[in-house]
Amino acid sequence: MKKFNRMIIPMIMFVSLATAGCVSTNTTSRVALVQPPDSNSAKWSISAKASTNGFNDIISIFINEQKVAEGNISIMTPRKNFTGTYKGKKIDAECMAANDVGIMTGHKCTIYIDSNKVTELSF
């Protein structure tokens, strides 16, 4: 019986850790209301979402609920820049993930409109 326990416990731990990386979760930032630079138009609602599977995150940036930029970060490359456009304005997002023992545990994106920093989103 002891031999069985010595074999089954490591196997259960391995399967648990292997499947933990396969669980997909979504994390959403707060919504930031931002006045676009050089514009008298209404404020824009800017937010971000991370779709996480443990080892690889897809970061999406939204303005007024429209996806304007998207990119992929991972444990090996936890910091990347993503670009897009919205109503003729260039959108840049400098995004990074906090890495805790091989698992990405949080995200932060700094958002720029036409090279002007407008907000930071943590999620």
N, C-alpha and C. Protein backbone atom coordinates (compact mmCIF):
# COMPACT_ATOMS: atom_id res chain seq x y z
N MET A 1 0.82 -1.20 0.00
CA MET A 1 0.00 0.00 0.00
C MET A 1 0.86 1.26 0.00
N LYS A 2 2.00 1.22 0.74
CA LYS A 2 2.86 2.40 0.78
C LYS A 2 3.41 2.73 -0.60
N LYS A 3 3.75 1.70 -1.38
CA LYS A 3 4.28 1.92 -2.72
C LYS A 3 3.22 2.59 -3.61
N PHE A 4 1.98 2.14 -3.47
CA PHE A 4 0.89 2.74 -4.23
C PHE A 4 0.74 4.23 -3.88
N ASN A 5 0.77 4.57 -2.59
CA ASN A 5 0.63 5.96 -2.16
C ASN A 5 1.78 6.82 -2.67
N ARG A 6 2.99 6.26 -2.67
CA ARG A 6 4.14 7.03 -3.17
C ARG A 6 4.03 7.31 -4.66
N MET A 7 3.34 6.48 -5.39
CA MET A 7 3.19 6.68 -6.83
C MET A 7 1.98 7.57 -7.15
N ILE A 8 0.89 7.38 -6.43
CA ILE A 8 -0.34 8.08 -6.78
C ILE A 8 -0.30 9.56 -6.40
N ILE A 9 0.30 9.89 -5.28
CA ILE A 9 0.33 11.29 -4.84
C ILE A 9 1.11 12.17 -5.83
N PRO A 10 2.33 11.79 -6.25
CA PRO A 10 3.00 12.62 -7.26
C PRO A 10 2.21 12.71 -8.57
N MET A 11 1.54 11.62 -8.95
CA MET A 11 0.75 11.65 -10.18
C MET A 11 -0.41 12.63 -10.06
N ILE A 12 -1.09 12.63 -8.93
CA ILE A 12 -2.20 13.57 -8.71
C ILE A 12 -1.69 15.01 -8.74
N MET A 13 -0.54 15.25 -8.11
CA MET A 13 0.04 16.61 -8.12
C MET A 13 0.39 17.04 -9.53
N PHE A 14 0.98 16.13 -10.31
CA PHE A 14 1.35 16.47 -11.68
C PHE A 14 0.14 16.81 -12.52
N VAL A 15 -0.89 15.99 -12.45
CA VAL A 15 -2.12 16.23 -13.22
C VAL A 15 -2.77 17.53 -12.79
N SER A 16 -2.78 17.83 -11.50
CA SER A 16 -3.37 19.08 -11.01
C SER A 16 -2.63 20.28 -11.54
N LEU A 17 -1.31 20.25 -11.48
CA LEU A 17 -0.52 21.38 -11.99
C LEU A 17 -0.65 21.52 -13.50
N ALA A 18 -0.66 20.42 -14.21
CA ALA A 18 -0.77 20.46 -15.67
C ALA A 18 -2.11 21.04 -16.11
N THR A 19 -3.18 20.65 -15.45
CA THR A 19 -4.49 21.16 -15.85
C THR A 19 -4.74 22.56 -15.34
N ALA A 20 -4.05 23.00 -14.30
CA ALA A 20 -4.23 24.37 -13.79
C ALA A 20 -3.84 25.38 -14.86
N GLY A 21 -2.83 25.07 -15.68
CA GLY A 21 -2.43 25.97 -16.75
C GLY A 21 -3.41 26.00 -17.90
N CYS A 22 -4.34 25.08 -17.95
CA CYS A 22 -5.30 25.01 -19.04
C CYS A 22 -6.61 25.73 -18.73
N VAL A 23 -6.79 26.14 -17.50
CA VAL A 23 -8.02 26.82 -17.12
C VAL A 23 -7.96 28.26 -17.62
N SER A 24 -8.95 28.67 -18.34
CA SER A 24 -8.99 30.01 -18.91
C SER A 24 -9.80 30.94 -18.01
N THR A 25 -9.25 32.12 -17.75
CA THR A 25 -9.96 33.12 -16.97
C THR A 25 -9.89 34.46 -17.68
N ASN A 26 -10.84 35.32 -17.38
CA ASN A 26 -10.85 36.68 -17.92
C ASN A 26 -10.78 37.66 -16.77
N THR A 27 -9.94 38.67 -16.92
CA THR A 27 -9.82 39.74 -15.95
C THR A 27 -10.03 41.05 -16.68
N THR A 28 -10.88 41.91 -16.13
CA THR A 28 -11.21 43.18 -16.78
C THR A 28 -10.78 44.34 -15.91
N SER A 29 -10.28 45.38 -16.54
CA SER A 29 -9.87 46.60 -15.82
C SER A 29 -11.08 47.46 -15.50
N ARG A 30 -10.81 48.50 -14.77
CA ARG A 30 -11.82 49.56 -14.57
C ARG A 30 -12.01 50.27 -15.92
N VAL A 31 -13.04 51.07 -16.01
CA VAL A 31 -13.26 51.89 -17.21
C VAL A 31 -12.76 53.30 -16.91
N ALA A 32 -11.84 53.78 -17.72
CA ALA A 32 -11.32 55.14 -17.58
C ALA A 32 -12.02 56.05 -18.58
N LEU A 33 -12.54 57.18 -18.11
CA LEU A 33 -13.13 58.18 -19.00
C LEU A 33 -12.05 59.18 -19.36
N VAL A 34 -11.78 59.29 -20.67
CA VAL A 34 -10.64 60.07 -21.14
C VAL A 34 -11.08 61.03 -22.22
N GLN A 35 -10.64 62.28 -22.11
CA GLN A 35 -10.85 63.27 -23.17
C GLN A 35 -9.76 63.09 -24.21
N PRO A 36 -10.10 62.77 -25.46
CA PRO A 36 -9.06 62.59 -26.48
C PRO A 36 -8.26 63.88 -26.66
N PRO A 37 -6.94 63.77 -26.83
CA PRO A 37 -6.13 64.96 -27.06
C PRO A 37 -6.57 65.71 -28.32
N ASP A 38 -6.47 67.01 -28.27
CA ASP A 38 -6.81 67.86 -29.43
C ASP A 38 -8.22 67.60 -29.94
N SER A 39 -9.17 67.42 -29.02
CA SER A 39 -10.53 67.11 -29.44
C SER A 39 -11.53 67.74 -28.48
N ASN A 40 -12.63 68.20 -29.04
CA ASN A 40 -13.73 68.71 -28.22
C ASN A 40 -14.87 67.70 -28.14
N SER A 41 -14.62 66.49 -28.59
CA SER A 41 -15.67 65.46 -28.61
C SER A 41 -15.91 64.92 -27.20
N ALA A 42 -16.90 64.06 -27.08
CA ALA A 42 -17.23 63.45 -25.79
C ALA A 42 -16.06 62.58 -25.31
N LYS A 43 -16.01 62.38 -24.00
CA LYS A 43 -14.97 61.53 -23.43
C LYS A 43 -15.12 60.09 -23.92
N TRP A 44 -13.97 59.41 -24.03
CA TRP A 44 -13.95 58.02 -24.45
C TRP A 44 -13.86 57.13 -23.22
N SER A 45 -14.52 55.99 -23.27
CA SER A 45 -14.43 54.97 -22.23
C SER A 45 -13.36 53.98 -22.65
N ILE A 46 -12.28 53.89 -21.88
CA ILE A 46 -11.17 53.00 -22.21
C ILE A 46 -11.07 51.92 -21.15
N SER A 47 -10.94 50.67 -21.60
CA SER A 47 -10.80 49.55 -20.68
C SER A 47 -9.91 48.48 -21.32
N ALA A 48 -9.55 47.49 -20.51
CA ALA A 48 -8.71 46.39 -20.99
C ALA A 48 -9.21 45.08 -20.41
N LYS A 49 -8.88 44.00 -21.12
CA LYS A 49 -9.25 42.67 -20.65
C LYS A 49 -8.10 41.72 -20.93
N ALA A 50 -7.84 40.82 -19.99
CA ALA A 50 -6.85 39.76 -20.18
C ALA A 50 -7.57 38.42 -20.18
N SER A 51 -7.38 37.66 -21.22
CA SER A 51 -7.86 36.28 -21.27
C SER A 51 -6.65 35.40 -20.99
N THR A 52 -6.67 34.74 -19.86
CA THR A 52 -5.50 34.05 -19.33
C THR A 52 -5.70 32.55 -19.31
N ASN A 53 -4.66 31.82 -19.71
CA ASN A 53 -4.69 30.37 -19.53
C ASN A 53 -3.53 29.90 -18.67
N GLY A 54 -2.88 30.80 -17.97
CA GLY A 54 -1.79 30.44 -17.07
C GLY A 54 -0.41 30.72 -17.63
N PHE A 55 -0.18 30.40 -18.90
CA PHE A 55 1.12 30.58 -19.50
C PHE A 55 1.12 31.62 -20.62
N ASN A 56 -0.05 32.00 -21.08
CA ASN A 56 -0.18 32.85 -22.24
C ASN A 56 -1.41 33.73 -22.05
N ASP A 57 -1.26 35.05 -22.16
CA ASP A 57 -2.38 35.97 -21.98
C ASP A 57 -2.64 36.75 -23.26
N ILE A 58 -3.90 36.89 -23.60
CA ILE A 58 -4.30 37.76 -24.71
C ILE A 58 -4.85 39.03 -24.07
N ILE A 59 -4.21 40.15 -24.36
CA ILE A 59 -4.61 41.45 -23.82
C ILE A 59 -5.39 42.18 -24.91
N SER A 60 -6.58 42.64 -24.57
CA SER A 60 -7.42 43.41 -25.50
C SER A 60 -7.68 44.78 -24.91
N ILE A 61 -7.57 45.81 -25.74
CA ILE A 61 -7.84 47.20 -25.34
C ILE A 61 -9.11 47.64 -26.05
N PHE A 62 -10.02 48.24 -25.29
CA PHE A 62 -11.31 48.68 -25.83
C PHE A 62 -11.49 50.18 -25.63
N ILE A 63 -12.06 50.83 -26.64
CA ILE A 63 -12.50 52.21 -26.52
C ILE A 63 -13.97 52.23 -26.91
N ASN A 64 -14.79 52.74 -26.01
CA ASN A 64 -16.25 52.76 -26.20
C ASN A 64 -16.75 51.38 -26.65
N GLU A 65 -16.25 50.35 -25.96
CA GLU A 65 -16.63 48.95 -26.16
C GLU A 65 -16.22 48.36 -27.50
N GLN A 66 -15.39 49.07 -28.25
CA GLN A 66 -14.87 48.56 -29.53
C GLN A 66 -13.41 48.16 -29.33
N LYS A 67 -13.07 46.93 -29.72
CA LYS A 67 -11.68 46.47 -29.59
C LYS A 67 -10.80 47.25 -30.56
N VAL A 68 -9.77 47.91 -30.01
CA VAL A 68 -8.90 48.74 -30.86
C VAL A 68 -7.48 48.20 -30.95
N ALA A 69 -7.08 47.35 -30.00
CA ALA A 69 -5.74 46.76 -30.04
C ALA A 69 -5.78 45.44 -29.28
N GLU A 70 -4.94 44.52 -29.73
CA GLU A 70 -4.88 43.23 -29.06
C GLU A 70 -3.51 42.63 -29.28
N GLY A 71 -3.04 41.92 -28.27
CA GLY A 71 -1.75 41.27 -28.39
C GLY A 71 -1.60 40.18 -27.36
N ASN A 72 -0.48 39.50 -27.46
CA ASN A 72 -0.22 38.32 -26.67
C ASN A 72 1.01 38.54 -25.80
N ILE A 73 0.91 38.22 -24.50
CA ILE A 73 2.08 38.21 -23.64
C ILE A 73 2.18 36.84 -22.99
N SER A 74 3.38 36.50 -22.56
CA SER A 74 3.59 35.19 -21.97
C SER A 74 4.58 35.30 -20.82
N ILE A 75 4.81 34.20 -20.17
CA ILE A 75 5.79 34.17 -19.08
C ILE A 75 7.16 34.55 -19.61
N MET A 76 7.49 34.13 -20.83
CA MET A 76 8.80 34.42 -21.42
C MET A 76 8.91 35.86 -21.92
N THR A 77 7.81 36.46 -22.34
CA THR A 77 7.79 37.85 -22.80
C THR A 77 6.65 38.59 -22.10
N PRO A 78 6.85 38.96 -20.83
CA PRO A 78 5.77 39.55 -20.05
C PRO A 78 5.51 41.04 -20.33
N ARG A 79 6.25 41.63 -21.25
CA ARG A 79 6.07 43.06 -21.56
C ARG A 79 6.07 43.24 -23.07
N LYS A 80 4.98 43.86 -23.58
CA LYS A 80 4.88 44.12 -25.02
C LYS A 80 4.08 45.39 -25.26
N ASN A 81 4.25 45.93 -26.46
CA ASN A 81 3.50 47.09 -26.91
C ASN A 81 2.54 46.66 -28.03
N PHE A 82 1.32 47.19 -27.96
CA PHE A 82 0.30 46.89 -28.97
C PHE A 82 -0.20 48.22 -29.54
N THR A 83 -0.54 48.22 -30.82
CA THR A 83 -1.03 49.45 -31.45
C THR A 83 -2.33 49.19 -32.20
N GLY A 84 -3.06 50.27 -32.40
CA GLY A 84 -4.29 50.23 -33.16
C GLY A 84 -4.73 51.65 -33.46
N THR A 85 -5.92 51.80 -34.00
CA THR A 85 -6.47 53.13 -34.26
C THR A 85 -7.92 53.17 -33.82
N TYR A 86 -8.36 54.38 -33.52
CA TYR A 86 -9.77 54.61 -33.19
C TYR A 86 -10.12 56.03 -33.62
N LYS A 87 -11.11 56.17 -34.49
CA LYS A 87 -11.55 57.46 -35.03
C LYS A 87 -10.38 58.31 -35.53
N GLY A 88 -9.48 57.65 -36.25
CA GLY A 88 -8.34 58.34 -36.86
C GLY A 88 -7.20 58.65 -35.90
N LYS A 89 -7.31 58.23 -34.65
CA LYS A 89 -6.25 58.47 -33.65
C LYS A 89 -5.45 57.19 -33.46
N LYS A 90 -4.14 57.34 -33.33
CA LYS A 90 -3.28 56.20 -33.08
C LYS A 90 -3.37 55.83 -31.60
N ILE A 91 -3.59 54.55 -31.32
CA ILE A 91 -3.68 54.05 -29.96
C ILE A 91 -2.49 53.14 -29.70
N ASP A 92 -1.76 53.42 -28.63
CA ASP A 92 -0.64 52.58 -28.21
C ASP A 92 -0.93 52.09 -26.79
N ALA A 93 -0.59 50.84 -26.55
CA ALA A 93 -0.74 50.27 -25.21
C ALA A 93 0.57 49.58 -24.85
N GLU A 94 1.20 50.05 -23.78
CA GLU A 94 2.39 49.39 -23.23
C GLU A 94 1.90 48.50 -22.10
N CYS A 95 1.93 47.19 -22.31
CA CYS A 95 1.34 46.26 -21.34
C CYS A 95 2.40 45.35 -20.75
N MET A 96 2.17 44.97 -19.50
CA MET A 96 3.06 44.04 -18.83
C MET A 96 2.26 43.17 -17.87
N ALA A 97 2.83 42.02 -17.56
CA ALA A 97 2.21 41.10 -16.61
C ALA A 97 3.14 40.90 -15.43
N ALA A 98 2.55 40.83 -14.25
CA ALA A 98 3.31 40.46 -13.07
C ALA A 98 3.48 38.95 -13.10
N ASN A 99 4.68 38.49 -12.87
CA ASN A 99 4.99 37.07 -12.95
C ASN A 99 5.34 36.58 -11.56
N ASP A 100 4.53 35.69 -11.02
CA ASP A 100 4.75 35.16 -9.67
C ASP A 100 4.89 33.64 -9.75
N VAL A 101 6.11 33.16 -9.59
CA VAL A 101 6.42 31.73 -9.61
C VAL A 101 5.91 31.07 -10.90
N GLY A 102 6.17 31.72 -12.04
CA GLY A 102 5.81 31.12 -13.32
C GLY A 102 4.36 31.29 -13.72
N ILE A 103 3.59 32.08 -12.96
CA ILE A 103 2.19 32.31 -13.29
C ILE A 103 1.97 33.82 -13.35
N MET A 104 1.33 34.28 -14.43
CA MET A 104 1.04 35.70 -14.55
C MET A 104 -0.15 36.04 -13.67
N THR A 105 0.08 36.94 -12.70
CA THR A 105 -0.93 37.18 -11.67
C THR A 105 -1.63 38.53 -11.77
N GLY A 106 -1.15 39.43 -12.56
CA GLY A 106 -1.78 40.73 -12.72
C GLY A 106 -1.27 41.40 -13.97
N HIS A 107 -1.95 42.45 -14.40
CA HIS A 107 -1.60 43.13 -15.64
C HIS A 107 -1.66 44.64 -15.43
N LYS A 108 -0.87 45.33 -16.21
CA LYS A 108 -0.90 46.80 -16.20
C LYS A 108 -0.64 47.27 -17.63
N CYS A 109 -1.49 48.18 -18.11
CA CYS A 109 -1.32 48.77 -19.43
C CYS A 109 -1.35 50.28 -19.32
N THR A 110 -0.38 50.92 -19.94
CA THR A 110 -0.36 52.37 -20.07
C THR A 110 -0.85 52.68 -21.47
N ILE A 111 -1.89 53.52 -21.55
CA ILE A 111 -2.55 53.80 -22.83
C ILE A 111 -2.17 55.20 -23.31
N TYR A 112 -1.84 55.29 -24.59
CA TYR A 112 -1.48 56.55 -25.25
C TYR A 112 -2.42 56.77 -26.43
N ILE A 113 -2.83 58.01 -26.63
CA ILE A 113 -3.57 58.42 -27.82
C ILE A 113 -2.72 59.45 -28.54
N ASP A 114 -2.37 59.16 -29.78
CA ASP A 114 -1.47 60.03 -30.56
C ASP A 114 -0.25 60.44 -29.74
N SER A 115 0.39 59.46 -29.11
CA SER A 115 1.63 59.62 -28.32
C SER A 115 1.44 60.37 -27.02
N ASN A 116 0.22 60.71 -26.63
CA ASN A 116 -0.04 61.37 -25.35
C ASN A 116 -0.56 60.35 -24.35
N LYS A 117 0.13 60.24 -23.21
CA LYS A 117 -0.33 59.30 -22.18
C LYS A 117 -1.67 59.79 -21.62
N VAL A 118 -2.68 58.87 -21.61
CA VAL A 118 -3.99 59.26 -21.15
C VAL A 118 -4.47 58.51 -19.91
N THR A 119 -3.99 57.28 -19.71
CA THR A 119 -4.42 56.53 -18.52
C THR A 119 -3.54 55.30 -18.30
N GLU A 120 -3.61 54.78 -17.09
CA GLU A 120 -3.00 53.49 -16.75
C GLU A 120 -4.10 52.59 -16.22
N LEU A 121 -4.11 51.37 -16.67
CA LEU A 121 -5.12 50.39 -16.25
C LEU A 121 -4.42 49.21 -15.60
N SER A 122 -4.83 48.87 -14.38
CA SER A 122 -4.32 47.69 -13.69
C SER A 122 -5.48 46.72 -13.52
N PHE A 123 -5.20 45.45 -13.79
CA PHE A 123 -6.25 44.44 -13.71
C PHE A 123 -5.64 43.08 -13.53
